[in-house]
Amino acid sequence: MFTKQAQAEPAGSSPAQWVKSPAGPFNPTASMSPNNPASRSLACLGATLTIEGKITSEEDLQIDGKVRGPISLPGRRLTVGRTAEVHSEVTAGEVIVYGKITGNLRARDRVEIKTDGSVFGDITTVRISIEDGADFKGRIEIDRPKPQTDAYSESVGVPIAAEII
């Protein structure tokens, strides 16, 4: 009685095509979980884009094109895809490099340089990972997190000596 007709999917909407992306880092199955950090907002700059100027965002950013100018993503993730060429001073929560970055990186949490990635510049971060085959030329400064003080113990005065009356 009812027959279901096959509908053509728009280009790029098939999950099978997501995995084959030349940029590689995006994982659609991980982003579908609401408790997963990957489900945060993600802005993408495609491989054919060339951007010159300052980029500031409150979203995670994936770059697959060419960017020249400072990038500021406070507390967010910057992913530099395999086809990307970035000439920038970068400040972010995390930086994951599959492509090429020329410029200094400052990441509050971590920097990862993947096998085919390259970074030419200084890195300041808490954690760093450089895979075999990655290119890196510059200095690394490990920015140790400051130990958190116990606000309760500082606010409660503990007497050193007491006088008994």
C-alpha atoms as a PDB file:
ATOM      1  CA  MET A   1       0.000   0.000   0.000  1.00  0.00           C
ATOM      2  CA  PHE A   2       2.742   2.445   0.943  1.00  0.00           C
ATOM      3  CA  THR A   3       6.040   2.470  -0.860  1.00  0.00           C
ATOM      4  CA  LYS A   4       9.046   4.383   0.306  1.00  0.00           C
ATOM      5  CA  GLN A   5      10.909   6.159  -2.429  1.00  0.00           C
ATOM      6  CA  ALA A   6      14.635   6.703  -2.143  1.00  0.00           C
ATOM      7  CA  GLN A   7      15.532  10.350  -1.691  1.00  0.00           C
ATOM      8  CA  ALA A   8      18.795  11.767  -2.930  1.00  0.00           C
ATOM      9  CA  GLU A   9      20.993  13.136  -0.159  1.00  0.00           C
ATOM     10  CA  PRO A  10      22.600  16.523  -0.607  1.00  0.00           C
ATOM     11  CA  ALA A  11      26.348  16.366  -1.261  1.00  0.00           C
ATOM     12  CA  GLY A  12      28.410  15.972   1.893  1.00  0.00           C
ATOM     13  CA  SER A  13      25.498  14.925   4.100  1.00  0.00           C
ATOM     14  CA  SER A  14      26.182  11.192   4.021  1.00  0.00           C
ATOM     15  CA  PRO A  15      27.968   9.897   7.143  1.00  0.00           C
ATOM     16  CA  ALA A  16      30.175   7.784   4.880  1.00  0.00           C
ATOM     17  CA  GLN A  17      31.485  10.994   3.316  1.00  0.00           C
ATOM     18  CA  TRP A  18      32.193  12.654   6.688  1.00  0.00           C
ATOM     19  CA  VAL A  19      34.953  10.219   7.516  1.00  0.00           C
ATOM     20  CA  LYS A  20      36.671  10.779   4.141  1.00  0.00           C
ATOM     21  CA  SER A  21      37.140  14.526   4.680  1.00  0.00           C
ATOM     22  CA  PRO A  22      40.648  15.638   3.629  1.00  0.00           C
ATOM     23  CA  ALA A  23      40.910  17.708   6.791  1.00  0.00           C
ATOM     24  CA  GLY A  24      40.442  14.542   8.828  1.00  0.00           C
ATOM     25  CA  PRO A  25      39.956  15.736  12.408  1.00  0.00           C
ATOM     26  CA  PHE A  26      36.167  16.099  12.488  1.00  0.00           C
ATOM     27  CA  ASN A  27      34.408  13.073  13.975  1.00  0.00           C
ATOM     28  CA  PRO A  28      30.631  13.316  13.436  1.00  0.00           C
ATOM     29  CA  THR A  29      29.731  10.441  15.757  1.00  0.00           C
ATOM     30  CA  ALA A  30      31.583  12.029  18.674  1.00  0.00           C
ATOM     31  CA  SER A  31      29.871  15.376  18.082  1.00  0.00           C
ATOM     32  CA  MET A  32      26.381  13.910  18.395  1.00  0.00           C
ATOM     33  CA  SER A  33      26.743  13.185  22.109  1.00  0.00           C
ATOM     34  CA  PRO A  34      25.460  16.160  24.108  1.00  0.00           C
ATOM     35  CA  ASN A  35      27.879  15.490  26.980  1.00  0.00           C
ATOM     36  CA  ASN A  36      30.889  15.360  24.672  1.00  0.00           C
ATOM     37  CA  PRO A  37      33.011  18.540  24.349  1.00  0.00           C
ATOM     38  CA  ALA A  38      33.014  17.940  20.591  1.00  0.00           C
ATOM     39  CA  SER A  39      29.310  18.891  20.558  1.00  0.00           C
ATOM     40  CA  ARG A  40      30.247  22.530  21.156  1.00  0.00           C
ATOM     41  CA  SER A  41      29.655  25.016  18.342  1.00  0.00           C
ATOM     42  CA  LEU A  42      32.123  24.599  15.485  1.00  0.00           C
ATOM     43  CA  ALA A  43      32.871  27.194  12.832  1.00  0.00           C
ATOM     44  CA  CYS A  44      34.660  26.052   9.673  1.00  0.00           C
ATOM     45  CA  LEU A  45      36.735  27.968   7.146  1.00  0.00           C
ATOM     46  CA  GLY A  46      36.841  25.893   3.961  1.00  0.00           C
ATOM     47  CA  ALA A  47      39.845  24.933   1.863  1.00  0.00           C
ATOM     48  CA  THR A  48      39.102  27.517  -0.843  1.00  0.00           C
ATOM     49  CA  LEU A  49      38.932  30.472   1.566  1.00  0.00           C
ATOM     50  CA  THR A  50      41.733  32.991   2.047  1.00  0.00           C
ATOM     51  CA  ILE A  51      41.302  35.305   5.031  1.00  0.00           C
ATOM     52  CA  GLU A  52      43.462  38.283   5.994  1.00  0.00           C
ATOM     53  CA  GLY A  53      42.708  39.999   9.279  1.00  0.00           C
ATOM     54  CA  LYS A  54      41.958  39.369  12.924  1.00  0.00           C
ATOM     55  CA  ILE A  55      39.785  36.373  13.875  1.00  0.00           C
ATOM     56  CA  THR A  56      38.085  36.301  17.280  1.00  0.00           C
ATOM     57  CA  SER A  57      35.487  33.717  18.199  1.00  0.00           C
ATOM     58  CA  GLU A  58      33.487  32.224  21.037  1.00  0.00           C
ATOM     59  CA  GLU A  59      33.242  28.955  19.045  1.00  0.00           C
ATOM     60  CA  ASP A  60      35.664  26.183  18.208  1.00  0.00           C
ATOM     61  CA  LEU A  61      37.227  26.826  14.809  1.00  0.00           C
ATOM     62  CA  GLN A  62      38.453  24.501  12.074  1.00  0.00           C
ATOM     63  CA  ILE A  63      40.577  26.059   9.339  1.00  0.00           C
ATOM     64  CA  ASP A  64      41.166  24.273   6.056  1.00  0.00           C
ATOM     65  CA  GLY A  65      42.071  27.335   3.965  1.00  0.00           C
ATOM     66  CA  LYS A  66      44.645  30.128   4.235  1.00  0.00           C
ATOM     67  CA  VAL A  67      44.626  32.613   7.099  1.00  0.00           C
ATOM     68  CA  ARG A  68      46.947  35.537   7.756  1.00  0.00           C
ATOM     69  CA  GLY A  69      46.428  37.562  10.934  1.00  0.00           C
ATOM     70  CA  PRO A  70      45.960  37.027  14.673  1.00  0.00           C
ATOM     71  CA  ILE A  71      43.545  34.360  15.920  1.00  0.00           C
ATOM     72  CA  SER A  72      41.984  34.562  19.387  1.00  0.00           C
ATOM     73  CA  LEU A  73      39.737  31.750  20.645  1.00  0.00           C
ATOM     74  CA  PRO A  74      39.752  32.103  24.435  1.00  0.00           C
ATOM     75  CA  GLY A  75      39.017  28.722  26.010  1.00  0.00           C
ATOM     76  CA  ARG A  76      38.155  27.177  22.627  1.00  0.00           C
ATOM     77  CA  ARG A  77      39.740  24.682  20.226  1.00  0.00           C
ATOM     78  CA  LEU A  78      41.501  25.618  17.000  1.00  0.00           C
ATOM     79  CA  THR A  79      41.934  22.773  14.534  1.00  0.00           C
ATOM     80  CA  VAL A  80      44.253  23.425  11.595  1.00  0.00           C
ATOM     81  CA  GLY A  81      43.246  20.974   8.850  1.00  0.00           C
ATOM     82  CA  ARG A  82      45.629  19.181   6.477  1.00  0.00           C
ATOM     83  CA  THR A  83      45.064  21.683   3.676  1.00  0.00           C
ATOM     84  CA  ALA A  84      45.432  24.765   5.904  1.00  0.00           C
ATOM     85  CA  GLU A  85      48.202  27.349   5.836  1.00  0.00           C
ATOM     86  CA  VAL A  86      48.060  29.686   8.822  1.00  0.00           C
ATOM     87  CA  HIS A  87      50.370  32.685   9.337  1.00  0.00           C
ATOM     88  CA  SER A  88      49.179  33.899  12.728  1.00  0.00           C
ATOM     89  CA  GLU A  89      49.783  34.576  16.358  1.00  0.00           C
ATOM     90  CA  VAL A  90      47.337  32.122  17.942  1.00  0.00           C
ATOM     91  CA  THR A  91      45.745  32.232  21.402  1.00  0.00           C
ATOM     92  CA  ALA A  92      43.308  29.419  22.227  1.00  0.00           C
ATOM     93  CA  GLY A  93      42.356  26.803  24.791  1.00  0.00           C
ATOM     94  CA  GLU A  94      43.588  23.955  22.568  1.00  0.00           C
ATOM     95  CA  VAL A  95      45.413  23.883  19.231  1.00  0.00           C
ATOM     96  CA  ILE A  96      45.446  20.745  17.076  1.00  0.00           C
ATOM     97  CA  VAL A  97      47.630  20.954  13.969  1.00  0.00           C
ATOM     98  CA  TYR A  98      47.219  18.703  10.935  1.00  0.00           C
ATOM     99  CA  GLY A  99      48.388  21.389   8.469  1.00  0.00           C
ATOM    100  CA  LYS A 100      50.905  24.237   8.657  1.00  0.00           C
ATOM    101  CA  ILE A 101      51.183  27.106  11.155  1.00  0.00           C
ATOM    102  CA  THR A 102      53.804  29.840  11.000  1.00  0.00           C
ATOM    103  CA  GLY A 103      53.676  32.003  14.113  1.00  0.00           C
ATOM    104  CA  ASN A 104      53.614  31.709  17.877  1.00  0.00           C
ATOM    105  CA  LEU A 105      51.026  29.572  19.685  1.00  0.00           C
ATOM    106  CA  ARG A 106      49.677  30.119  23.191  1.00  0.00           C
ATOM    107  CA  ALA A 107      47.279  27.417  24.379  1.00  0.00           C
ATOM    108  CA  ARG A 108      45.810  27.385  27.866  1.00  0.00           C
ATOM    109  CA  ASP A 109      45.377  23.596  27.856  1.00  0.00           C
ATOM    110  CA  ARG A 110      47.303  21.743  25.136  1.00  0.00           C
ATOM    111  CA  VAL A 111      48.916  21.732  21.694  1.00  0.00           C
ATOM    112  CA  GLU A 112      48.984  18.662  19.450  1.00  0.00           C
ATOM    113  CA  ILE A 113      51.042  18.508  16.270  1.00  0.00           C
ATOM    114  CA  LYS A 114      49.901  15.530  14.229  1.00  0.00           C
ATOM    115  CA  THR A 115      52.022  13.392  11.880  1.00  0.00           C
ATOM    116  CA  ASP A 116      51.824  15.634   8.797  1.00  0.00           C
ATOM    117  CA  GLY A 117      51.460  18.881  10.752  1.00  0.00           C
ATOM    118  CA  SER A 118      54.083  21.579  11.049  1.00  0.00           C
ATOM    119  CA  VAL A 119      54.613  24.512  13.387  1.00  0.00           C
ATOM    120  CA  PHE A 120      57.276  27.159  12.857  1.00  0.00           C
ATOM    121  CA  GLY A 121      57.192  29.394  15.923  1.00  0.00           C
ATOM    122  CA  ASP A 122      57.260  29.361  19.692  1.00  0.00           C
ATOM    123  CA  ILE A 123      54.720  27.400  21.740  1.00  0.00           C
ATOM    124  CA  THR A 124      53.513  28.191  25.260  1.00  0.00           C
ATOM    125  CA  THR A 125      51.171  25.613  26.779  1.00  0.00           C
ATOM    126  CA  VAL A 126      50.565  23.294  29.718  1.00  0.00           C
ATOM    127  CA  ARG A 127      50.650  20.045  27.670  1.00  0.00           C
ATOM    128  CA  ILE A 128      52.147  19.265  24.275  1.00  0.00           C
ATOM    129  CA  SER A 129      52.148  16.269  21.941  1.00  0.00           C
ATOM    130  CA  ILE A 130      54.296  16.052  18.806  1.00  0.00           C
ATOM    131  CA  GLU A 131      53.771  12.905  16.737  1.00  0.00           C
ATOM    132  CA  ASP A 132      56.460  11.149  14.710  1.00  0.00           C
ATOM    133  CA  GLY A 133      56.729  12.777  11.283  1.00  0.00           C
ATOM    134  CA  ALA A 134      55.547  16.202  12.487  1.00  0.00           C
ATOM    135  CA  ASP A 135      57.685  19.285  11.833  1.00  0.00           C
ATOM    136  CA  PHE A 136      58.466  21.765  14.589  1.00  0.00           C
ATOM    137  CA  LYS A 137      60.972  24.588  14.708  1.00  0.00           C
ATOM    138  CA  GLY A 138      60.868  26.964  17.641  1.00  0.00           C
ATOM    139  CA  ARG A 139      60.870  27.027  21.426  1.00  0.00           C
ATOM    140  CA  ILE A 140      58.506  25.308  23.821  1.00  0.00           C
ATOM    141  CA  GLU A 141      57.604  26.820  27.163  1.00  0.00           C
ATOM    142  CA  ILE A 142      55.600  24.629  29.508  1.00  0.00           C
ATOM    143  CA  ASP A 143      53.326  26.995  31.394  1.00  0.00           C
ATOM    144  CA  ARG A 144      52.675  25.095  34.611  1.00  0.00           C
ATOM    145  CA  PRO A 145      49.219  25.674  36.042  1.00  0.00           C
ATOM    146  CA  LYS A 146      49.294  27.631  39.259  1.00  0.00           C
ATOM    147  CA  PRO A 147      48.356  25.458  42.254  1.00  0.00           C
ATOM    148  CA  GLN A 148      44.861  26.273  43.417  1.00  0.00           C
ATOM    149  CA  THR A 149      44.721  27.467  46.973  1.00  0.00           C
ATOM    150  CA  ASP A 150      42.072  26.193  49.283  1.00  0.00           C
ATOM    151  CA  ALA A 151      39.946  29.295  49.827  1.00  0.00           C
ATOM    152  CA  TYR A 152      38.291  27.727  52.869  1.00  0.00           C
ATOM    153  CA  SER A 153      41.548  27.088  54.750  1.00  0.00           C
ATOM    154  CA  GLU A 154      42.752  30.626  54.063  1.00  0.00           C
ATOM    155  CA  SER A 155      39.516  32.248  55.218  1.00  0.00           C
ATOM    156  CA  VAL A 156      39.211  30.321  58.462  1.00  0.00           C
ATOM    157  CA  GLY A 157      41.732  31.614  60.973  1.00  0.00           C
ATOM    158  CA  VAL A 158      43.368  28.852  62.952  1.00  0.00           C
ATOM    159  CA  PRO A 159      44.809  30.209  66.202  1.00  0.00           C
ATOM    160  CA  ILE A 160      48.443  29.449  66.822  1.00  0.00           C
ATOM    161  CA  ALA A 161      48.141  29.799  70.595  1.00  0.00           C
ATOM    162  CA  ALA A 162      45.177  30.299  72.890  1.00  0.00           C
ATOM    163  CA  GLU A 163      45.075  31.822  76.328  1.00  0.00           C
ATOM    164  CA  ILE A 164      42.987  30.035  78.941  1.00  0.00           C
ATOM    165  CA  ILE A 165      41.292  32.257  81.508  1.00  0.00           C
END
